[in-house]
Amino acid sequence: MKNLIDFTSRDTLSQDNVKEILNPYSKDFTETMYEGERAMVQLGKSEPEILKSLSPSCKAHIMQCRMSDTLRMRLQGKKGVMYSDHGYLRFIFSDKVVLRIKKFNELLHCSAISTHAFREFMTQGLFRELNRTMVVLGYRLDITQTKISDITITCPIHERRNLWAYHLVEQPASNELFIASTNDEQEQVRVTAKSIKKQQDNQS
């Protein structure tokens, strides 16, 4: 896997470059994610029995659809933003960054059926000829599984590996994030949310 990491590191935009492109839309991103949370709260109030019957994957799909549609409406007409809908909404910023919305697990990985399209996105294979960088705007839920605990943007290089990640809304600093593997044995680098914040401050 070392060759994959080296290749991707060379061909994708850096975290700083992506942040420069996406920062003008940070408020749109966070409001979008919380709108998905609000939709589930409203469903629980109006149809509590239906909500109880839904599996975690069904709930995540409902939230993802609500979030994607909300972001599409918020970004409509904004300069430098395009979107395409081929099975799921993808947002393209400045013709360089392609973003999709997903729920993260504890390791900041996406849960999804491993289709060809999903693998292409997660391994930076989609739009490679256009030199676009794939990123995921994702969220994790708190221990109650009802509220968003953090919102993060990641740059995946594998279905279970991220090149880098940065927070839009932070989780408690005690939680650990697994950002990337660094060798053939797939040893993972552990960093805390606090250390990511410190790194971001140093880069500011």
Foldseek 3Di string as FASTA:
>chain_A
DQVLLVVCVVQADDPVVVCVQCVVCLVLLVVLLVQLLVVLVVCCVVPVVVSVPDDLVRSQVSSQVSSQVSSCVVCPPPPQWDWDDDPAIWIGGVLAEIEGEAEADLQRAGDDDPDPVVFCLQQVNPCSVSSHFYKYFYFYAPPVNRHTQFTKIFGHNGRRETSDMATSGDHPQVRWYFHGANDPVRDTDIDTNVVRVVVVVVVD
